[in-house]
Amino acid sequence: MNTDLSKTDPARMHAPDQHLVDVVLAYVTERLALTEAPIDGFGDRDEMQQALEGLIGSEPKDPVAVLSIYEKYLSETVLSADSPRFFGFIPAAPTKAALLFDMVVSAASLQGCSWLEAAGAVMAENQALRTMADIAEMPQGASGTFVSGGSAGNLSALVVARDTARAKRIVSGQPLYQLQVVVSDQAHSSIKNALNIVDMGAIVIPTTHGRMTRENLVQGLAHQDLSNVVAIVATAGTTNAGIIDQLDAAADIAESQGWWFHVDGAYGGAGMLDPGKRHLYTGIERVDSLVMDPHKWWFAPFDSAALIYKDPHLAKGVHTQDASYLNVIHSSELTEFNPSDLAYHLTRRARGMALWFSLAVNGLDAYRDAVVAGNEMARYAADQIKAHPDVELVREPDLSVVLLRRNGWTAVNYDQWSTDLLERQVAFVTSSIWQGETVGRLVFLHPGTTTAMVDDVLAALN
């Protein structure tokens, strides 16, 4: 008879294992102690495949051996978006407090579906959401939930916009098909994707310099059939160039037409924390729905996006899932705003708690200082670019995104520039397209970025 419980006990994976704890926490401690995360990057696919060959099988493996494979062959091929030298796409710079509490969320297997299952998590997340809503000056009844990212937030909000309009149209006898949404030509790709999913069309407003203004809206809508328009989407910090639309103009038109007003502030919403930029957000307080991503400029780990509604009852009426086994979570008045009722999700981890913990531990002044630092670094880079004889500033930055043009360069040159900087671990930069032209693009988010780092990147343009 086999008496080796280590192989016969079906719960053996769940037994306390101090060796495993020590191995993993030692690695985490070392990582959290880094003053500057490495950029990392390139990897050999064949080498990785060889290292992983046969790793997963019937028998257990020593965690030291498995972790060493991760460290040696895998970790360095994953670009560190939390590096102060990461200037491509939209970086991430989670605080130490946020990273540590995200470990608590994982170690305790915290979920945040409903009040019945996760009252404490819901309370904490709601406090973080209320803090963000207050910064946007939204009304006291505003509430929402944390979803996986801006794409999920935009989709969930547009579903509510569509179904809220449908309900009104049923009463008035208006058609329910071919509904449309007004968007800027600089709107994030997730908006187009969401409209495709929810079967709504787009009226695209051309912009002259990337910012959707009142004049753009008036001209763009002048000869359009607006009978089936149900919403307008504005952007508070475009991903490509960090541009803030004229939000009060969009709000005025939405209000006059009875349309839903949604603002995508996934990247740039946090810019409201900079007192010198706050005036650019006038009108955001009038939104019906707002998205801001903590895993971007709110310094939280992946993946987390805050979706906030002016009237969460409307979202609850659209997104609540009915099933016999779910009746219990809807049986109390306290369950009015279950997180699972406010977006298309049901199961969800308590992904807002890392932000909550970090906000409380660090205080809002630290957040303000960090956001200001990103904008100031963009200003520094812009000034250096304007002083460079062979480089042009494409546009003055609204926030922390800088677009540049190296005279005489093609897309190939920008790619070589990016590759060289990454190979030398100087920085991670990417090119982009601006009005049909390939340009260089720098995004500043990490408050640990220095002017010397920026100088090194710009020096490689020579």
Protein backbone atom coordinates (compact mmCIF):
# COMPACT_ATOMS: atom_id res chain seq x y z
CA MET A 1 0.00 0.00 0.00
CA ASN A 2 1.31 3.43 -0.93
CA THR A 3 1.66 5.52 2.24
CA ASP A 4 3.40 8.53 0.63
CA LEU A 5 0.79 11.21 1.23
CA SER A 6 2.79 13.69 -0.85
CA LYS A 7 1.66 11.73 -3.89
CA THR A 8 -1.75 10.47 -2.81
CA ASP A 9 -3.26 13.47 -1.03
CA PRO A 10 -5.48 15.30 -3.58
CA ALA A 11 -5.07 18.53 -1.59
CA ARG A 12 -1.29 18.42 -1.68
CA MET A 13 -1.08 21.47 -3.98
CA HIS A 14 -2.89 23.50 -1.32
CA ALA A 15 -0.78 22.48 1.66
CA PRO A 16 1.47 25.17 3.20
CA ASP A 17 4.90 25.06 1.60
CA GLN A 18 7.39 27.32 3.30
CA HIS A 19 10.11 26.49 0.81
CA LEU A 20 7.90 27.67 -2.05
CA VAL A 21 6.97 30.81 -0.12
CA ASP A 22 10.60 31.62 0.61
CA VAL A 23 11.69 31.09 -3.00
CA VAL A 24 9.02 33.32 -4.49
CA LEU A 25 9.16 36.05 -1.84
CA ALA A 26 12.94 36.24 -2.16
CA TYR A 27 12.55 36.94 -5.87
CA VAL A 28 9.76 39.46 -5.26
CA THR A 29 11.77 41.21 -2.55
CA GLU A 30 14.73 41.56 -4.87
CA ARG A 31 12.55 42.91 -7.67
CA LEU A 32 10.81 45.44 -5.41
CA ALA A 33 14.19 46.62 -4.11
CA LEU A 34 15.27 47.77 -7.56
CA THR A 35 15.59 51.53 -7.79
CA GLU A 36 15.26 51.26 -11.57
CA ALA A 37 13.63 48.34 -13.32
CA PRO A 38 15.58 47.19 -16.40
CA ILE A 39 13.94 47.68 -19.77
CA ASP A 40 14.76 44.15 -20.97
CA GLY A 41 13.41 43.17 -24.37
CA PHE A 42 14.75 40.89 -27.05
CA GLY A 43 14.72 37.10 -26.67
CA ASP A 44 15.58 34.02 -28.69
CA ARG A 45 12.41 32.06 -29.39
CA ASP A 46 14.24 28.78 -30.01
CA GLU A 47 16.21 29.16 -26.79
CA MET A 48 13.02 29.80 -24.83
CA GLN A 49 11.29 26.84 -26.42
CA GLN A 50 14.21 24.58 -25.54
CA ALA A 51 14.23 25.79 -21.93
CA LEU A 52 10.48 25.12 -21.58
CA GLU A 53 10.59 21.70 -23.22
CA GLY A 54 9.17 19.08 -20.89
CA LEU A 55 8.80 21.50 -17.99
CA ILE A 56 5.14 20.64 -17.40
CA GLY A 57 4.54 16.96 -16.84
CA SER A 58 3.00 14.48 -14.41
CA GLU A 59 5.67 14.89 -11.74
CA PRO A 60 6.37 18.05 -9.72
CA LYS A 61 9.41 20.23 -10.30
CA ASP A 62 11.56 22.08 -7.78
CA PRO A 63 10.30 25.69 -7.63
CA VAL A 64 13.91 26.92 -7.59
CA ALA A 65 14.49 25.24 -10.94
CA VAL A 66 11.27 26.56 -12.45
CA LEU A 67 11.87 30.08 -11.20
CA SER A 68 15.40 30.01 -12.56
CA ILE A 69 14.04 29.18 -16.01
CA TYR A 70 11.72 32.16 -15.73
CA GLU A 71 14.55 34.46 -14.64
CA LYS A 72 17.08 33.26 -17.20
CA TYR A 73 14.98 32.64 -20.28
CA LEU A 74 11.63 34.41 -19.93
CA SER A 75 11.68 37.49 -17.70
CA GLU A 76 14.18 39.46 -19.75
CA THR A 77 12.11 39.04 -22.91
CA VAL A 78 9.19 40.90 -21.31
CA LEU A 79 9.57 44.64 -21.69
CA SER A 80 9.34 46.34 -18.30
CA ALA A 81 6.64 48.95 -18.74
CA ASP A 82 7.49 50.15 -15.23
CA SER A 83 11.01 51.19 -16.21
CA PRO A 84 11.67 54.95 -16.10
CA ARG A 85 13.29 54.43 -19.52
CA PHE A 86 10.10 53.01 -21.07
CA PHE A 87 8.89 55.79 -23.38
CA GLY A 88 6.88 53.69 -25.84
CA PHE A 89 3.13 53.02 -26.05
CA ILE A 90 1.66 54.06 -22.69
CA PRO A 91 3.99 53.01 -19.86
CA ALA A 92 3.07 51.86 -16.37
CA ALA A 93 4.71 52.90 -13.13
CA PRO A 94 2.96 51.14 -10.25
CA THR A 95 3.89 52.36 -6.79
CA LYS A 96 5.59 49.96 -4.38
CA ALA A 97 2.47 50.11 -2.20
CA ALA A 98 0.23 49.17 -5.13
CA LEU A 99 2.47 46.27 -6.15
CA LEU A 100 2.63 44.92 -2.63
CA PHE A 101 -1.09 45.09 -2.08
CA ASP A 102 -1.73 43.45 -5.41
CA MET A 103 0.20 40.54 -3.90
CA VAL A 104 -2.25 40.61 -0.97
CA VAL A 105 -5.17 40.49 -3.39
CA SER A 106 -3.61 37.49 -5.13
CA ALA A 107 -2.45 35.70 -1.98
CA ALA A 108 -5.90 36.04 -0.40
CA SER A 109 -7.63 35.17 -3.69
CA LEU A 110 -9.79 38.27 -3.32
CA GLN A 111 -12.61 38.64 -5.79
CA GLY A 112 -15.02 41.51 -6.05
CA CYS A 113 -18.22 40.34 -7.69
CA SER A 114 -20.90 41.33 -5.21
CA TRP A 115 -21.66 42.71 -1.78
CA LEU A 116 -22.67 39.25 -0.57
CA GLU A 117 -19.28 37.73 -1.38
CA ALA A 118 -16.91 40.67 -1.04
CA ALA A 119 -18.35 43.54 0.98
CA GLY A 120 -14.97 44.75 2.22
CA ALA A 121 -13.42 44.71 -1.24
CA VAL A 122 -16.41 46.53 -2.72
CA MET A 123 -16.22 49.18 0.01
CA ALA A 124 -12.53 49.77 -0.62
CA GLU A 125 -12.92 49.90 -4.40
CA ASN A 126 -15.87 52.26 -4.09
CA GLN A 127 -13.79 54.61 -1.96
CA ALA A 128 -11.14 54.69 -4.68
CA LEU A 129 -13.80 55.25 -7.35
CA ARG A 130 -15.34 58.07 -5.30
CA THR A 131 -11.93 59.71 -5.02
CA MET A 132 -11.54 59.63 -8.80
CA ALA A 133 -15.10 60.88 -9.33
CA ASP A 134 -14.45 63.78 -6.95
CA ILE A 135 -11.36 64.78 -8.88
CA ALA A 136 -13.52 64.85 -12.00
CA GLU A 137 -16.15 66.81 -10.01
CA MET A 138 -18.86 64.30 -10.87
CA PRO A 139 -22.07 64.34 -8.77
CA GLN A 140 -22.25 62.47 -5.48
CA GLY A 141 -24.44 59.72 -6.92
CA ALA A 142 -21.76 58.73 -9.41
CA SER A 143 -20.37 55.24 -9.03
CA GLY A 144 -18.94 52.41 -11.06
CA THR A 145 -16.59 49.48 -11.12
CA PHE A 146 -13.09 48.45 -12.07
CA VAL A 147 -12.74 46.49 -15.31
CA SER A 148 -9.72 45.01 -17.07
CA GLY A 149 -8.81 48.00 -19.24
CA GLY A 150 -9.96 50.97 -21.24
CA SER A 151 -11.31 48.76 -24.01
CA ALA A 152 -13.56 46.92 -21.57
CA GLY A 153 -14.63 50.19 -20.00
CA ASN A 154 -15.48 51.86 -23.30
CA LEU A 155 -17.41 48.80 -24.45
CA SER A 156 -19.41 48.52 -21.24
CA ALA A 157 -20.26 52.24 -21.27
CA LEU A 158 -21.38 52.19 -24.90
CA VAL A 159 -23.62 49.21 -24.22
CA VAL A 160 -25.36 51.28 -21.55
CA ALA A 161 -25.57 54.27 -23.91
CA ARG A 162 -27.13 52.09 -26.60
CA ASP A 163 -29.65 50.32 -24.38
CA THR A 164 -30.61 53.51 -22.56
CA ALA A 165 -31.35 55.13 -25.92
CA ARG A 166 -33.27 52.06 -27.07
CA ALA A 167 -35.49 52.23 -24.00
CA LYS A 168 -36.33 55.86 -24.75
CA ARG A 169 -36.95 55.07 -28.40
CA ILE A 170 -39.37 52.28 -27.59
CA VAL A 171 -41.49 54.76 -25.66
CA SER A 172 -41.41 57.36 -28.45
CA GLY A 173 -41.79 54.84 -31.26
CA GLN A 174 -38.45 55.68 -32.88
CA PRO A 175 -36.46 53.05 -34.80
CA LEU A 176 -34.03 50.89 -32.81
CA TYR A 177 -31.69 50.03 -35.67
CA GLN A 178 -28.75 51.83 -37.30
CA LEU A 179 -27.94 53.78 -34.16
CA GLN A 180 -24.91 56.04 -34.41
CA VAL A 181 -22.28 57.62 -32.18
CA VAL A 182 -20.30 60.80 -32.78
CA VAL A 183 -16.53 60.29 -32.42
CA SER A 184 -13.35 62.16 -33.24
CA ASP A 185 -10.96 61.02 -35.95
CA GLN A 186 -8.43 60.63 -33.09
CA ALA A 187 -10.64 58.37 -30.96
CA HIS A 188 -8.92 55.26 -29.60
CA SER A 189 -9.15 52.09 -31.67
CA SER A 190 -11.16 50.45 -28.89
CA ILE A 191 -14.04 52.84 -29.60
CA LYS A 192 -14.29 51.62 -33.19
CA ASN A 193 -14.06 48.04 -31.98
CA ALA A 194 -16.73 48.60 -29.34
CA LEU A 195 -19.10 50.17 -31.86
CA ASN A 196 -18.63 47.18 -34.11
CA ILE A 197 -19.44 44.83 -31.24
CA VAL A 198 -22.58 46.72 -30.19
CA ASP A 199 -23.68 47.16 -33.82
CA MET A 200 -23.64 50.95 -33.90
CA GLY A 201 -22.21 53.19 -36.59
CA ALA A 202 -19.85 56.14 -36.22
CA ILE A 203 -20.11 59.71 -37.40
CA VAL A 204 -16.43 60.67 -37.49
CA ILE A 205 -15.59 64.30 -36.84
CA PRO A 206 -12.47 65.49 -38.71
CA THR A 207 -10.03 67.49 -36.61
CA THR A 208 -7.49 69.96 -37.90
CA HIS A 209 -4.83 69.50 -35.25
CA GLY A 210 -6.06 66.40 -33.46
CA ARG A 211 -8.36 68.13 -31.00
CA MET A 212 -12.12 67.86 -31.44
CA THR A 213 -13.33 71.43 -30.93
CA ARG A 214 -16.71 73.09 -30.92
CA GLU A 215 -16.07 74.35 -34.44
CA ASN A 216 -15.14 70.84 -35.60
CA LEU A 217 -18.34 69.45 -34.11
CA VAL A 218 -20.59 72.12 -35.59
CA GLN A 219 -19.06 71.73 -39.03
CA GLY A 220 -18.89 67.95 -38.87
CA LEU A 221 -22.52 67.58 -37.84
CA ALA A 222 -23.98 70.35 -40.01
CA HIS A 223 -25.02 68.13 -42.92
CA GLN A 224 -25.49 64.85 -41.08
CA ASP A 225 -28.75 63.05 -40.38
CA LEU A 226 -28.73 63.06 -36.58
CA SER A 227 -32.01 61.22 -36.06
CA ASN A 228 -30.29 57.98 -35.08
CA VAL A 229 -27.40 59.44 -33.06
CA VAL A 230 -27.50 58.35 -29.42
CA ALA A 231 -24.11 59.31 -27.99
CA ILE A 232 -20.98 61.36 -28.36
CA VAL A 233 -17.53 60.17 -27.32
CA ALA A 234 -14.76 62.62 -26.45
CA THR A 235 -11.20 61.89 -25.41
CA ALA A 236 -9.30 63.29 -22.44
CA GLY A 237 -5.77 62.58 -23.58
CA THR A 238 -5.52 60.74 -26.88
CA THR A 239 -3.19 57.77 -26.79
CA ASN A 240 -1.25 58.83 -29.86
CA ALA A 241 -0.55 62.46 -28.97
CA GLY A 242 -2.02 63.18 -25.53
CA ILE A 243 -4.63 65.63 -26.88
CA ILE A 244 -7.65 66.66 -24.82
CA ASP A 245 -10.83 67.30 -26.79
CA GLN A 246 -12.94 70.37 -26.03
CA LEU A 247 -15.03 68.54 -23.50
CA ASP A 248 -17.45 71.33 -22.67
CA ALA A 249 -18.36 71.63 -26.35
CA ALA A 250 -19.10 67.92 -26.56
CA ALA A 251 -21.10 68.16 -23.32
CA ASP A 252 -23.15 71.09 -24.64
CA ILE A 253 -24.06 69.27 -27.85
CA ALA A 254 -24.84 66.03 -26.02
CA GLU A 255 -27.11 67.89 -23.61
CA SER A 256 -28.90 69.86 -26.34
CA GLN A 257 -29.53 66.69 -28.37
CA GLY A 258 -30.32 64.35 -25.49
CA TRP A 259 -27.30 62.14 -26.28
CA TRP A 260 -25.18 60.09 -23.92
CA PHE A 261 -21.84 61.78 -23.20
CA HIS A 262 -18.88 59.44 -22.73
CA VAL A 263 -15.27 60.46 -22.11
CA ASP A 264 -12.37 58.13 -22.73
CA GLY A 265 -9.74 59.26 -20.25
CA ALA A 266 -7.97 55.92 -20.07
CA TYR A 267 -4.54 57.51 -20.36
CA GLY A 268 -5.06 61.22 -19.88
CA GLY A 269 -7.78 61.41 -17.25
CA ALA A 270 -5.16 61.46 -14.51
CA GLY A 271 -3.88 64.72 -15.97
CA MET A 272 -6.61 66.40 -13.94
CA LEU A 273 -4.30 65.95 -10.96
CA ASP A 274 -1.94 68.56 -12.44
CA PRO A 275 -3.29 71.95 -11.29
CA GLY A 276 -1.73 73.59 -14.33
CA LYS A 277 -3.71 71.33 -16.68
CA ARG A 278 -7.05 71.12 -14.87
CA HIS A 279 -8.68 73.86 -16.97
CA LEU A 280 -8.27 71.70 -20.07
CA TYR A 281 -10.81 69.26 -18.60
CA THR A 282 -13.69 71.70 -18.21
CA GLY A 283 -16.88 69.81 -19.02
CA ILE A 284 -15.71 66.41 -17.82
CA GLU A 285 -17.94 66.80 -14.76
CA ARG A 286 -20.97 66.52 -17.08
CA VAL A 287 -20.21 63.04 -18.40
CA ASP A 288 -22.66 60.18 -18.35
CA SER A 289 -19.70 57.79 -18.22
CA LEU A 290 -15.98 58.15 -17.78
CA VAL A 291 -13.07 55.71 -18.12
CA MET A 292 -9.66 56.17 -16.46
CA ASP A 293 -7.03 53.43 -16.25
CA PRO A 294 -5.21 53.07 -12.92
CA HIS A 295 -2.64 50.87 -14.63
CA LYS A 296 -1.56 53.88 -16.65
CA TRP A 297 -1.16 57.29 -15.00
CA TRP A 298 -2.71 56.33 -11.66
CA PHE A 299 0.33 54.18 -10.88
CA ALA A 300 -1.36 50.82 -10.26
CA PRO A 301 -0.44 47.36 -11.61
CA PHE A 302 -1.99 45.75 -14.66
CA ASP A 303 -4.86 45.26 -15.27
CA SER A 304 -7.23 47.91 -13.97
CA ALA A 305 -9.56 50.51 -15.48
CA ALA A 306 -12.09 52.60 -13.59
CA LEU A 307 -15.50 52.92 -15.24
CA ILE A 308 -17.63 55.58 -13.56
CA TYR A 309 -21.26 56.43 -14.37
CA LYS A 310 -23.16 59.58 -13.47
CA ASP A 311 -26.23 57.38 -12.89
CA PRO A 312 -25.17 53.82 -12.09
CA HIS A 313 -28.81 52.74 -11.97
CA LEU A 314 -28.82 52.87 -15.77
CA ALA A 315 -25.80 50.57 -15.95
CA LYS A 316 -27.32 48.21 -13.41
CA GLY A 317 -30.48 48.00 -15.52
CA VAL A 318 -28.44 47.03 -18.57
CA HIS A 319 -25.63 44.82 -17.23
CA THR A 320 -27.23 42.87 -14.36
CA GLN A 321 -27.15 39.18 -15.19
CA ASP A 322 -30.19 37.13 -14.16
CA ALA A 323 -29.79 33.46 -13.28
CA SER A 324 -31.34 31.27 -10.62
CA TYR A 325 -28.07 30.83 -8.78
CA LEU A 326 -27.46 34.59 -8.81
CA ASN A 327 -30.75 35.56 -7.14
CA VAL A 328 -29.07 35.51 -3.75
CA ILE A 329 -26.67 38.35 -4.62
CA HIS A 330 -29.60 40.54 -5.65
CA SER A 331 -31.79 39.80 -2.63
CA SER A 332 -30.80 42.78 -0.49
CA GLU A 333 -31.06 46.53 -1.01
CA LEU A 334 -27.38 46.64 -0.15
CA THR A 335 -26.65 44.92 -3.46
CA GLU A 336 -27.86 47.89 -5.51
CA PHE A 337 -24.47 48.40 -7.12
CA ASN A 338 -22.73 45.09 -7.22
CA PRO A 339 -19.54 45.54 -9.28
CA SER A 340 -20.72 42.65 -11.44
CA ASP A 341 -23.85 44.65 -12.34
CA LEU A 342 -22.08 47.66 -13.80
CA ALA A 343 -20.14 46.20 -16.74
CA TYR A 344 -20.33 43.20 -19.05
CA HIS A 345 -18.30 41.09 -16.64
CA LEU A 346 -19.48 38.78 -13.85
CA THR A 347 -16.45 37.11 -12.29
CA ARG A 348 -13.77 39.67 -11.46
CA ARG A 349 -10.78 39.98 -9.15
CA ALA A 350 -10.73 42.93 -6.78
CA ARG A 351 -8.52 44.79 -9.22
CA GLY A 352 -9.17 48.23 -7.70
CA MET A 353 -7.81 47.44 -4.26
CA ALA A 354 -4.16 47.98 -5.16
CA LEU A 355 -5.03 51.54 -6.18
CA TRP A 356 -7.10 52.01 -3.02
CA PHE A 357 -4.22 50.92 -0.79
CA SER A 358 -1.70 53.09 -2.62
CA LEU A 359 -3.94 56.17 -2.55
CA ALA A 360 -4.38 55.79 1.19
CA VAL A 361 -0.73 55.03 1.93
CA ASN A 362 0.81 57.69 -0.32
CA GLY A 363 -1.81 60.45 -0.29
CA LEU A 364 -3.09 62.47 -3.24
CA ASP A 365 -0.31 65.05 -3.06
CA ALA A 366 2.20 62.37 -4.04
CA TYR A 367 0.00 61.46 -7.00
CA ARG A 368 -0.26 65.08 -8.04
CA ASP A 369 3.51 65.51 -7.86
CA ALA A 370 4.08 62.37 -9.95
CA VAL A 371 1.66 63.46 -12.68
CA VAL A 372 3.16 66.95 -12.77
CA ALA A 373 6.61 65.36 -13.14
CA GLY A 374 5.48 63.53 -16.29
CA ASN A 375 4.14 66.72 -17.83
CA GLU A 376 7.27 68.65 -16.91
CA MET A 377 9.49 65.99 -18.47
CA ALA A 378 7.47 66.27 -21.67
CA ARG A 379 7.98 70.03 -21.57
CA TYR A 380 11.73 69.53 -21.11
CA ALA A 381 11.89 67.11 -24.05
CA ALA A 382 9.89 69.50 -26.23
CA ASP A 383 12.27 72.36 -25.44
CA GLN A 384 15.31 70.21 -26.20
CA ILE A 385 13.80 69.11 -29.49
CA LYS A 386 13.12 72.69 -30.54
CA ALA A 387 16.76 73.51 -29.87
CA HIS A 388 18.02 70.59 -31.97
CA PRO A 389 19.05 71.65 -35.50
CA ASP A 390 17.87 68.45 -37.20
CA VAL A 391 14.75 67.64 -35.18
CA GLU A 392 11.34 69.31 -35.15
CA LEU A 393 8.60 69.29 -32.54
CA VAL A 394 5.46 68.10 -34.32
CA ARG A 395 3.10 69.82 -31.85
CA GLU A 396 3.25 71.39 -28.44
CA PRO A 397 2.37 68.67 -25.90
CA ASP A 398 -0.92 68.95 -24.02
CA LEU A 399 0.14 66.30 -21.53
CA SER A 400 3.08 63.90 -21.38
CA VAL A 401 3.23 62.67 -24.98
CA VAL A 402 5.80 64.24 -27.32
CA LEU A 403 5.84 63.80 -31.10
CA LEU A 404 9.03 64.60 -32.99
CA ARG A 405 10.24 64.67 -36.57
CA ARG A 406 13.86 63.86 -37.51
CA ASN A 407 14.50 65.66 -40.78
CA GLY A 408 15.26 63.26 -43.61
CA TRP A 409 14.19 60.12 -41.75
CA THR A 410 11.82 57.45 -43.02
CA ALA A 411 10.00 54.73 -41.10
CA VAL A 412 13.08 52.53 -41.46
CA ASN A 413 15.26 55.10 -39.70
CA TYR A 414 12.84 55.40 -36.80
CA ASP A 415 12.78 51.61 -36.45
CA GLN A 416 16.57 51.52 -36.40
CA TRP A 417 16.60 54.27 -33.77
CA SER A 418 14.20 52.27 -31.61
CA THR A 419 16.12 49.02 -32.05
CA ASP A 420 19.47 50.60 -31.26
CA LEU A 421 18.20 52.25 -28.08
CA LEU A 422 16.65 49.01 -26.85
CA GLU A 423 19.71 46.92 -27.66
CA ARG A 424 21.85 49.33 -25.66
CA GLN A 425 19.21 49.42 -22.89
CA VAL A 426 19.10 53.19 -23.14
CA ALA A 427 15.34 53.37 -23.55
CA PHE A 428 12.34 51.84 -25.24
CA VAL A 429 10.84 54.20 -27.81
CA THR A 430 8.48 53.66 -30.71
CA SER A 431 7.42 55.52 -33.80
CA SER A 432 3.86 56.40 -34.69
CA ILE A 433 1.86 57.91 -37.51
CA TRP A 434 0.78 61.54 -37.38
CA GLN A 435 -1.34 62.86 -40.26
CA GLY A 436 0.03 60.18 -42.56
CA GLU A 437 3.68 60.69 -41.61
CA THR A 438 5.93 58.41 -39.54
CA VAL A 439 7.22 60.35 -36.52
CA GLY A 440 9.01 59.61 -33.28
CA ARG A 441 6.91 59.37 -30.13
CA LEU A 442 7.97 59.68 -26.49
CA VAL A 443 5.62 59.11 -23.56
CA PHE A 444 6.62 60.26 -20.09
CA LEU A 445 4.83 58.73 -17.13
CA HIS A 446 7.34 57.36 -14.63
CA PRO A 447 8.29 60.05 -12.08
CA GLY A 448 11.75 58.49 -11.88
CA THR A 449 12.60 59.49 -15.45
CA THR A 450 15.48 61.95 -15.52
CA THR A 451 16.53 64.65 -17.96
CA ALA A 452 19.74 62.68 -18.55
CA MET A 453 17.67 59.73 -19.80
CA VAL A 454 15.85 62.02 -22.19
CA ASP A 455 19.11 63.55 -23.36
CA ASP A 456 20.47 60.09 -24.17
CA VAL A 457 17.45 59.32 -26.33
CA LEU A 458 17.59 62.61 -28.20
CA ALA A 459 21.35 62.30 -28.71
CA ALA A 460 20.69 59.13 -30.72
CA LEU A 461 18.83 61.27 -33.28
CA ASN A 462 22.09 62.76 -34.52
